[in-house]
Amino acid sequence: MAKQKYEISDIDDYQNRLTEKQKKLLIRHCNRYQIAPEICAWYDDMDDFYSDWVEQIGYTKTGARKLMQDNKDEFKRFSDSSIIRLAK
């Protein structure tokens, strides 16, 4: 089966928050992990990520951090500390 080749035009940036540089990084990430660039959640930083995964869903901080580390395809962190979650 041929690998999917995603392009910037494939990004579903429903909040129009990505910079051009972030779009390029996201496409590289999606092509590496073969995951569609369909954003399902935005986090401003790790505190925002924890507020969702720890306070709302019930993970511990350690568990939430491990979830992100174990699912590198699903989460993309940017240099400005923002994080996106991609739909699987």
PDB file of N, CA and C in Angstrom:
ATOM      1  N   MET A   1       0.842  -1.182   0.000  1.00  0.00           N
ATOM      2  CA  MET A   1       0.000   0.000   0.000  1.00  0.00           C
ATOM      3  C   MET A   1       0.890   1.249   0.000  1.00  0.00           C
ATOM      4  N   ALA A   2       0.593   2.175  -0.863  1.00  0.00           N
ATOM      5  CA  ALA A   2       1.378   3.409  -0.978  1.00  0.00           C
ATOM      6  C   ALA A   2       1.119   4.319   0.208  1.00  0.00           C
ATOM      7  N   LYS A   3       2.175   5.023   0.609  1.00  0.00           N
ATOM      8  CA  LYS A   3       2.047   5.975   1.707  1.00  0.00           C
ATOM      9  C   LYS A   3       1.239   7.182   1.263  1.00  0.00           C
ATOM     10  N   GLN A   4       0.395   7.650   2.166  1.00  0.00           N
ATOM     11  CA  GLN A   4      -0.362   8.878   1.930  1.00  0.00           C
ATOM     12  C   GLN A   4       0.608  10.054   1.972  1.00  0.00           C
ATOM     13  N   LYS A   5       0.461  10.985   1.065  1.00  0.00           N
ATOM     14  CA  LYS A   5       1.277  12.201   1.043  1.00  0.00           C
ATOM     15  C   LYS A   5       0.358  13.377   1.290  1.00  0.00           C
ATOM     16  N   TYR A   6       0.410  13.911   2.500  1.00  0.00           N
ATOM     17  CA  TYR A   6      -0.446  15.041   2.860  1.00  0.00           C
ATOM     18  C   TYR A   6       0.198  16.355   2.437  1.00  0.00           C
ATOM     19  N   GLU A   7      -0.638  17.313   2.126  1.00  0.00           N
ATOM     20  CA  GLU A   7      -0.216  18.651   1.722  1.00  0.00           C
ATOM     21  C   GLU A   7      -0.844  19.674   2.670  1.00  0.00           C
ATOM     22  N   ILE A   8      -0.320  20.883   2.664  1.00  0.00           N
ATOM     23  CA  ILE A   8      -0.856  21.947   3.518  1.00  0.00           C
ATOM     24  C   ILE A   8      -2.348  22.144   3.277  1.00  0.00           C
ATOM     25  N   SER A   9      -2.790  22.013   2.051  1.00  0.00           N
ATOM     26  CA  SER A   9      -4.215  22.201   1.739  1.00  0.00           C
ATOM     27  C   SER A   9      -5.105  21.147   2.400  1.00  0.00           C
ATOM     28  N   ASP A  10      -4.526  20.058   2.887  1.00  0.00           N
ATOM     29  CA  ASP A  10      -5.290  19.004   3.555  1.00  0.00           C
ATOM     30  C   ASP A  10      -5.569  19.319   5.026  1.00  0.00           C
ATOM     31  N   ILE A  11      -4.915  20.314   5.572  1.00  0.00           N
ATOM     32  CA  ILE A  11      -5.051  20.627   6.997  1.00  0.00           C
ATOM     33  C   ILE A  11      -6.457  21.127   7.301  1.00  0.00           C
ATOM     34  N   ASP A  12      -7.036  20.548   8.335  1.00  0.00           N
ATOM     35  CA  ASP A  12      -8.330  21.003   8.831  1.00  0.00           C
ATOM     36  C   ASP A  12      -8.069  21.863  10.074  1.00  0.00           C
ATOM     37  N   ASP A  13      -7.714  23.122   9.851  1.00  0.00           N
ATOM     38  CA  ASP A  13      -7.406  24.070  10.930  1.00  0.00           C
ATOM     39  C   ASP A  13      -8.677  24.845  11.237  1.00  0.00           C
ATOM     40  N   TYR A  14      -9.586  24.189  11.957  1.00  0.00           N
ATOM     41  CA  TYR A  14     -10.916  24.760  12.164  1.00  0.00           C
ATOM     42  C   TYR A  14     -10.907  26.060  12.958  1.00  0.00           C
ATOM     43  N   GLN A  15      -9.800  26.382  13.618  1.00  0.00           N
ATOM     44  CA  GLN A  15      -9.723  27.645  14.361  1.00  0.00           C
ATOM     45  C   GLN A  15      -8.822  28.664  13.665  1.00  0.00           C
ATOM     46  N   ASN A  16      -8.264  28.307  12.530  1.00  0.00           N
ATOM     47  CA  ASN A  16      -7.348  29.184  11.790  1.00  0.00           C
ATOM     48  C   ASN A  16      -6.254  29.770  12.681  1.00  0.00           C
ATOM     49  N   ARG A  17      -5.622  28.899  13.453  1.00  0.00           N
ATOM     50  CA  ARG A  17      -4.600  29.342  14.404  1.00  0.00           C
ATOM     51  C   ARG A  17      -3.174  29.035  13.956  1.00  0.00           C
ATOM     52  N   LEU A  18      -3.001  28.149  13.012  1.00  0.00           N
ATOM     53  CA  LEU A  18      -1.651  27.739  12.621  1.00  0.00           C
ATOM     54  C   LEU A  18      -0.940  28.806  11.801  1.00  0.00           C
ATOM     55  N   THR A  19       0.332  29.013  12.122  1.00  0.00           N
ATOM     56  CA  THR A  19       1.170  29.874  11.292  1.00  0.00           C
ATOM     57  C   THR A  19       1.625  29.059  10.085  1.00  0.00           C
ATOM     58  N   GLU A  20       2.201  29.717   9.113  1.00  0.00           N
ATOM     59  CA  GLU A  20       2.707  28.988   7.937  1.00  0.00           C
ATOM     60  C   GLU A  20       3.794  27.988   8.341  1.00  0.00           C
ATOM     61  N   LYS A  21       4.657  28.392   9.261  1.00  0.00           N
ATOM     62  CA  LYS A  21       5.712  27.487   9.736  1.00  0.00           C
ATOM     63  C   LYS A  21       5.099  26.269  10.435  1.00  0.00           C
ATOM     64  N   GLN A  22       4.085  26.499  11.278  1.00  0.00           N
ATOM     65  CA  GLN A  22       3.427  25.387  11.963  1.00  0.00           C
ATOM     66  C   GLN A  22       2.732  24.458  10.974  1.00  0.00           C
ATOM     67  N   LYS A  23       2.168  25.005   9.933  1.00  0.00           N
ATOM     68  CA  LYS A  23       1.528  24.168   8.908  1.00  0.00           C
ATOM     69  C   LYS A  23       2.546  23.241   8.262  1.00  0.00           C
ATOM     70  N   LYS A  24       3.717  23.774   7.944  1.00  0.00           N
ATOM     71  CA  LYS A  24       4.771  22.945   7.347  1.00  0.00           C
ATOM     72  C   LYS A  24       5.220  21.850   8.312  1.00  0.00           C
ATOM     73  N   LEU A  25       5.382  22.217   9.584  1.00  0.00           N
ATOM     74  CA  LEU A  25       5.787  21.237  10.592  1.00  0.00           C
ATOM     75  C   LEU A  25       4.711  20.172  10.787  1.00  0.00           C
ATOM     76  N   LEU A  26       3.461  20.602  10.765  1.00  0.00           N
ATOM     77  CA  LEU A  26       2.366  19.657  10.926  1.00  0.00           C
ATOM     78  C   LEU A  26       2.316  18.667   9.766  1.00  0.00           C
ATOM     79  N   ILE A  27       2.481  19.143   8.553  1.00  0.00           N
ATOM     80  CA  ILE A  27       2.465  18.245   7.397  1.00  0.00           C
ATOM     81  C   ILE A  27       3.625  17.255   7.460  1.00  0.00           C
ATOM     82  N   ARG A  28       4.775  17.716   7.862  1.00  0.00           N
ATOM     83  CA  ARG A  28       5.918  16.805   8.029  1.00  0.00           C
ATOM     84  C   ARG A  28       5.564  15.722   9.061  1.00  0.00           C
ATOM     85  N   HIS A  29       4.973  16.136  10.165  1.00  0.00           N
ATOM     86  CA  HIS A  29       4.549  15.216  11.229  1.00  0.00           C
ATOM     87  C   HIS A  29       3.526  14.205  10.693  1.00  0.00           C
ATOM     88  N   CYS A  30       2.521  14.706   9.991  1.00  0.00           N
ATOM     89  CA  CYS A  30       1.466  13.828   9.473  1.00  0.00           C
ATOM     90  C   CYS A  30       1.999  12.828   8.457  1.00  0.00           C
ATOM     91  N   ASN A  31       2.884  13.272   7.593  1.00  0.00           N
ATOM     92  CA  ASN A  31       3.464  12.349   6.610  1.00  0.00           C
ATOM     93  C   ASN A  31       4.376  11.336   7.293  1.00  0.00           C
ATOM     94  N   ARG A  32       5.079  11.748   8.319  1.00  0.00           N
ATOM     95  CA  ARG A  32       5.954  10.820   9.049  1.00  0.00           C
ATOM     96  C   ARG A  32       5.145   9.721   9.719  1.00  0.00           C
ATOM     97  N   TYR A  33       4.054  10.126  10.390  1.00  0.00           N
ATOM     98  CA  TYR A  33       3.256   9.165  11.149  1.00  0.00           C
ATOM     99  C   TYR A  33       2.046   8.627  10.382  1.00  0.00           C
ATOM    100  N   GLN A  34       1.854   9.093   9.169  1.00  0.00           N
ATOM    101  CA  GLN A  34       0.733   8.650   8.340  1.00  0.00           C
ATOM    102  C   GLN A  34      -0.603   8.844   9.068  1.00  0.00           C
ATOM    103  N   ILE A  35      -0.821  10.075   9.510  1.00  0.00           N
ATOM    104  CA  ILE A  35      -2.064  10.456  10.168  1.00  0.00           C
ATOM    105  C   ILE A  35      -2.590  11.719   9.487  1.00  0.00           C
ATOM    106  N   ALA A  36      -3.869  11.752   9.225  1.00  0.00           N
ATOM    107  CA  ALA A  36      -4.472  12.893   8.528  1.00  0.00           C
ATOM    108  C   ALA A  36      -4.348  14.167   9.367  1.00  0.00           C
ATOM    109  N   PRO A  37      -4.110  15.306   8.726  1.00  0.00           N
ATOM    110  CA  PRO A  37      -3.976  16.575   9.450  1.00  0.00           C
ATOM    111  C   PRO A  37      -5.332  17.160   9.843  1.00  0.00           C
ATOM    112  N   GLU A  38      -6.089  16.373  10.578  1.00  0.00           N
ATOM    113  CA  GLU A  38      -7.420  16.764  11.041  1.00  0.00           C
ATOM    114  C   GLU A  38      -7.351  17.057  12.536  1.00  0.00           C
ATOM    115  N   ILE A  39      -7.362  18.329  12.878  1.00  0.00           N
ATOM    116  CA  ILE A  39      -7.205  18.767  14.256  1.00  0.00           C
ATOM    117  C   ILE A  39      -8.521  18.599  15.005  1.00  0.00           C
ATOM    118  N   CYS A  40      -8.448  17.914  16.152  1.00  0.00           N
ATOM    119  CA  CYS A  40      -9.674  17.744  16.943  1.00  0.00           C
ATOM    120  C   CYS A  40      -9.606  18.471  18.278  1.00  0.00           C
ATOM    121  N   ALA A  41      -8.421  18.949  18.668  1.00  0.00           N
ATOM    122  CA  ALA A  41      -8.303  19.708  19.920  1.00  0.00           C
ATOM    123  C   ALA A  41      -7.077  20.601  19.876  1.00  0.00           C
ATOM    124  N   TRP A  42      -7.222  21.769  20.497  1.00  0.00           N
ATOM    125  CA  TRP A  42      -6.134  22.739  20.636  1.00  0.00           C
ATOM    126  C   TRP A  42      -5.834  22.929  22.110  1.00  0.00           C
ATOM    127  N   TYR A  43      -4.563  23.018  22.448  1.00  0.00           N
ATOM    128  CA  TYR A  43      -4.149  23.343  23.819  1.00  0.00           C
ATOM    129  C   TYR A  43      -3.123  24.461  23.725  1.00  0.00           C
ATOM    130  N   ASP A  44      -3.303  25.499  24.540  1.00  0.00           N
ATOM    131  CA  ASP A  44      -2.375  26.634  24.520  1.00  0.00           C
ATOM    132  C   ASP A  44      -0.991  26.246  25.017  1.00  0.00           C
ATOM    133  N   ASP A  45      -0.957  25.308  25.974  1.00  0.00           N
ATOM    134  CA  ASP A  45       0.302  24.867  26.574  1.00  0.00           C
ATOM    135  C   ASP A  45       0.015  23.629  27.420  1.00  0.00           C
ATOM    136  N   MET A  46       1.020  23.150  28.162  1.00  0.00           N
ATOM    137  CA  MET A  46       0.830  21.948  28.971  1.00  0.00           C
ATOM    138  C   MET A  46      -0.208  22.165  30.073  1.00  0.00           C
ATOM    139  N   ASP A  47      -0.271  23.366  30.642  1.00  0.00           N
ATOM    140  CA  ASP A  47      -1.287  23.627  31.665  1.00  0.00           C
ATOM    141  C   ASP A  47      -2.686  23.454  31.086  1.00  0.00           C
ATOM    142  N   ASP A  48      -2.888  23.944  29.884  1.00  0.00           N
ATOM    143  CA  ASP A  48      -4.176  23.791  29.207  1.00  0.00           C
ATOM    144  C   ASP A  48      -4.443  22.315  28.903  1.00  0.00           C
ATOM    145  N   PHE A  49      -3.421  21.603  28.459  1.00  0.00           N
ATOM    146  CA  PHE A  49      -3.527  20.162  28.199  1.00  0.00           C
ATOM    147  C   PHE A  49      -3.934  19.436  29.479  1.00  0.00           C
ATOM    148  N   TYR A  50      -3.257  19.753  30.601  1.00  0.00           N
ATOM    149  CA  TYR A  50      -3.578  19.113  31.878  1.00  0.00           C
ATOM    150  C   TYR A  50      -4.994  19.467  32.339  1.00  0.00           C
ATOM    151  N   SER A  51      -5.423  20.686  32.091  1.00  0.00           N
ATOM    152  CA  SER A  51      -6.771  21.069  32.535  1.00  0.00           C
ATOM    153  C   SER A  51      -7.827  20.192  31.870  1.00  0.00           C
ATOM    154  N   ASP A  52      -7.559  19.759  30.662  1.00  0.00           N
ATOM    155  CA  ASP A  52      -8.483  18.864  29.957  1.00  0.00           C
ATOM    156  C   ASP A  52      -8.307  17.422  30.423  1.00  0.00           C
ATOM    157  N   TRP A  53      -7.112  16.900  30.309  1.00  0.00           N
ATOM    158  CA  TRP A  53      -6.862  15.479  30.547  1.00  0.00           C
ATOM    159  C   TRP A  53      -6.840  15.101  32.024  1.00  0.00           C
ATOM    160  N   VAL A  54      -6.443  16.007  32.902  1.00  0.00           N
ATOM    161  CA  VAL A  54      -6.404  15.705  34.336  1.00  0.00           C
ATOM    162  C   VAL A  54      -7.715  16.130  35.000  1.00  0.00           C
ATOM    163  N   GLU A  55      -8.062  17.393  34.860  1.00  0.00           N
ATOM    164  CA  GLU A  55      -9.232  17.923  35.560  1.00  0.00           C
ATOM    165  C   GLU A  55     -10.554  17.453  34.967  1.00  0.00           C
ATOM    166  N   GLN A  56     -10.636  17.312  33.656  1.00  0.00           N
ATOM    167  CA  GLN A  56     -11.903  16.931  33.018  1.00  0.00           C
ATOM    168  C   GLN A  56     -12.047  15.421  32.813  1.00  0.00           C
ATOM    169  N   ILE A  57     -10.965  14.774  32.376  1.00  0.00           N
ATOM    170  CA  ILE A  57     -11.063  13.356  32.016  1.00  0.00           C
ATOM    171  C   ILE A  57     -10.665  12.439  33.164  1.00  0.00           C
ATOM    172  N   GLY A  58      -9.747  12.915  34.035  1.00  0.00           N
ATOM    173  CA  GLY A  58      -9.408  12.132  35.219  1.00  0.00           C
ATOM    174  C   GLY A  58      -8.047  11.463  35.233  1.00  0.00           C
ATOM    175  N   TYR A  59      -7.200  11.761  34.250  1.00  0.00           N
ATOM    176  CA  TYR A  59      -5.836  11.240  34.279  1.00  0.00           C
ATOM    177  C   TYR A  59      -5.036  11.949  35.372  1.00  0.00           C
ATOM    178  N   THR A  60      -3.962  11.310  35.838  1.00  0.00           N
ATOM    179  CA  THR A  60      -2.985  12.014  36.658  1.00  0.00           C
ATOM    180  C   THR A  60      -2.103  12.799  35.698  1.00  0.00           C
ATOM    181  N   LYS A  61      -1.325  13.751  36.213  1.00  0.00           N
ATOM    182  CA  LYS A  61      -0.411  14.479  35.323  1.00  0.00           C
ATOM    183  C   LYS A  61       0.573  13.523  34.679  1.00  0.00           C
ATOM    184  N   THR A  62       1.062  12.564  35.447  1.00  0.00           N
ATOM    185  CA  THR A  62       1.999  11.575  34.909  1.00  0.00           C
ATOM    186  C   THR A  62       1.327  10.758  33.809  1.00  0.00           C
ATOM    187  N   GLY A  63       0.102  10.342  34.053  1.00  0.00           N
ATOM    188  CA  GLY A  63      -0.647   9.566  33.066  1.00  0.00           C
ATOM    189  C   GLY A  63      -0.924  10.363  31.799  1.00  0.00           C
ATOM    190  N   ALA A  64      -1.259  11.630  31.960  1.00  0.00           N
ATOM    191  CA  ALA A  64      -1.523  12.486  30.796  1.00  0.00           C
ATOM    192  C   ALA A  64      -0.259  12.702  29.987  1.00  0.00           C
ATOM    193  N   ARG A  65       0.857  12.934  30.679  1.00  0.00           N
ATOM    194  CA  ARG A  65       2.144  13.119  29.990  1.00  0.00           C
ATOM    195  C   ARG A  65       2.516  11.840  29.233  1.00  0.00           C
ATOM    196  N   LYS A  66       2.305  10.686  29.878  1.00  0.00           N
ATOM    197  CA  LYS A  66       2.612   9.403  29.243  1.00  0.00           C
ATOM    198  C   LYS A  66       1.710   9.179  28.026  1.00  0.00           C
ATOM    199  N   LEU A  67       0.435   9.561  28.136  1.00  0.00           N
ATOM    200  CA  LEU A  67      -0.483   9.453  27.006  1.00  0.00           C
ATOM    201  C   LEU A  67       0.072  10.210  25.802  1.00  0.00           C
ATOM    202  N   MET A  68       0.549  11.424  26.031  1.00  0.00           N
ATOM    203  CA  MET A  68       1.104  12.223  24.935  1.00  0.00           C
ATOM    204  C   MET A  68       2.380  11.578  24.389  1.00  0.00           C
ATOM    205  N   GLN A  69       3.242  11.121  25.265  1.00  0.00           N
ATOM    206  CA  GLN A  69       4.503  10.503  24.832  1.00  0.00           C
ATOM    207  C   GLN A  69       4.274   9.205  24.068  1.00  0.00           C
ATOM    208  N   ASP A  70       3.291   8.429  24.498  1.00  0.00           N
ATOM    209  CA  ASP A  70       3.007   7.139  23.859  1.00  0.00           C
ATOM    210  C   ASP A  70       2.211   7.267  22.565  1.00  0.00           C
ATOM    211  N   ASN A  71       1.682   8.457  22.307  1.00  0.00           N
ATOM    212  CA  ASN A  71       0.865   8.689  21.109  1.00  0.00           C
ATOM    213  C   ASN A  71       1.417   9.872  20.327  1.00  0.00           C
ATOM    214  N   LYS A  72       2.688   9.794  19.985  1.00  0.00           N
ATOM    215  CA  LYS A  72       3.360  10.887  19.277  1.00  0.00           C
ATOM    216  C   LYS A  72       2.668  11.227  17.958  1.00  0.00           C
ATOM    217  N   ASP A  73       2.034  10.243  17.357  1.00  0.00           N
ATOM    218  CA  ASP A  73       1.322  10.513  16.104  1.00  0.00           C
ATOM    219  C   ASP A  73       0.101  11.397  16.334  1.00  0.00           C
ATOM    220  N   GLU A  74      -0.545  11.227  17.455  1.00  0.00           N
ATOM    221  CA  GLU A  74      -1.805  11.909  17.742  1.00  0.00           C
ATOM    222  C   GLU A  74      -1.623  13.340  18.259  1.00  0.00           C
ATOM    223  N   PHE A  75      -0.471  13.618  18.851  1.00  0.00           N
ATOM    224  CA  PHE A  75      -0.212  14.934  19.430  1.00  0.00           C
ATOM    225  C   PHE A  75       0.988  15.590  18.763  1.00  0.00           C
ATOM    226  N   LYS A  76       0.880  16.882  18.506  1.00  0.00           N
ATOM    227  CA  LYS A  76       1.991  17.655  17.936  1.00  0.00           C
ATOM    228  C   LYS A  76       2.193  18.890  18.803  1.00  0.00           C
ATOM    229  N   ARG A  77       3.414  19.018  19.344  1.00  0.00           N
ATOM    230  CA  ARG A  77       3.779  20.190  20.141  1.00  0.00           C
ATOM    231  C   ARG A  77       4.599  21.127  19.282  1.00  0.00           C
ATOM    232  N   PHE A  78       4.329  22.419  19.446  1.00  0.00           N
ATOM    233  CA  PHE A  78       5.055  23.443  18.693  1.00  0.00           C
ATOM    234  C   PHE A  78       5.966  24.238  19.626  1.00  0.00           C
ATOM    235  N   SER A  79       6.907  24.947  19.051  1.00  0.00           N
ATOM    236  CA  SER A  79       7.889  25.690  19.837  1.00  0.00           C
ATOM    237  C   SER A  79       7.271  26.816  20.660  1.00  0.00           C
ATOM    238  N   ASP A  80       6.068  27.260  20.320  1.00  0.00           N
ATOM    239  CA  ASP A  80       5.400  28.305  21.113  1.00  0.00           C
ATOM    240  C   ASP A  80       4.631  27.711  22.300  1.00  0.00           C
ATOM    241  N   SER A  81       4.830  26.427  22.561  1.00  0.00           N
ATOM    242  CA  SER A  81       4.203  25.660  23.647  1.00  0.00           C
ATOM    243  C   SER A  81       2.797  25.153  23.339  1.00  0.00           C
ATOM    244  N   SER A  82       2.219  25.549  22.210  1.00  0.00           N
ATOM    245  CA  SER A  82       0.891  25.066  21.868  1.00  0.00           C
ATOM    246  C   SER A  82       0.974  23.600  21.443  1.00  0.00           C
ATOM    247  N   ILE A  83      -0.139  22.931  21.602  1.00  0.00           N
ATOM    248  CA  ILE A  83      -0.236  21.501  21.304  1.00  0.00           C
ATOM    249  C   ILE A  83      -1.535  21.286  20.536  1.00  0.00           C
ATOM    250  N   ILE A  84      -1.479  20.440  19.541  1.00  0.00           N
ATOM    251  CA  ILE A  84      -2.711  20.042  18.871  1.00  0.00           C
ATOM    252  C   ILE A  84      -2.856  18.526  18.989  1.00  0.00           C
ATOM    253  N   ARG A  85      -4.103  18.113  18.969  1.00  0.00           N
ATOM    254  CA  ARG A  85      -4.410  16.682  18.948  1.00  0.00           C
ATOM    255  C   ARG A  85      -5.064  16.421  17.598  1.00  0.00           C
ATOM    256  N   LEU A  86      -4.606  15.363  16.950  1.00  0.00           N
ATOM    257  CA  LEU A  86      -5.129  14.979  15.656  1.00  0.00           C
ATOM    258  C   LEU A  86      -6.127  13.833  15.823  1.00  0.00           C
ATOM    259  N   ALA A  87      -7.170  13.850  15.030  1.00  0.00           N
ATOM    260  CA  ALA A  87      -8.183  12.797  15.067  1.00  0.00           C
ATOM    261  C   ALA A  87      -7.576  11.512  14.530  1.00  0.00           C
ATOM    262  N   LYS A  88      -7.873  10.422  15.172  1.00  0.00           N
ATOM    263  CA  LYS A  88      -7.382   9.125  14.698  1.00  0.00           C
ATOM    264  C   LYS A  88      -8.495   8.370  14.027  1.00  0.00           C
TER     265      LYS A  88
END
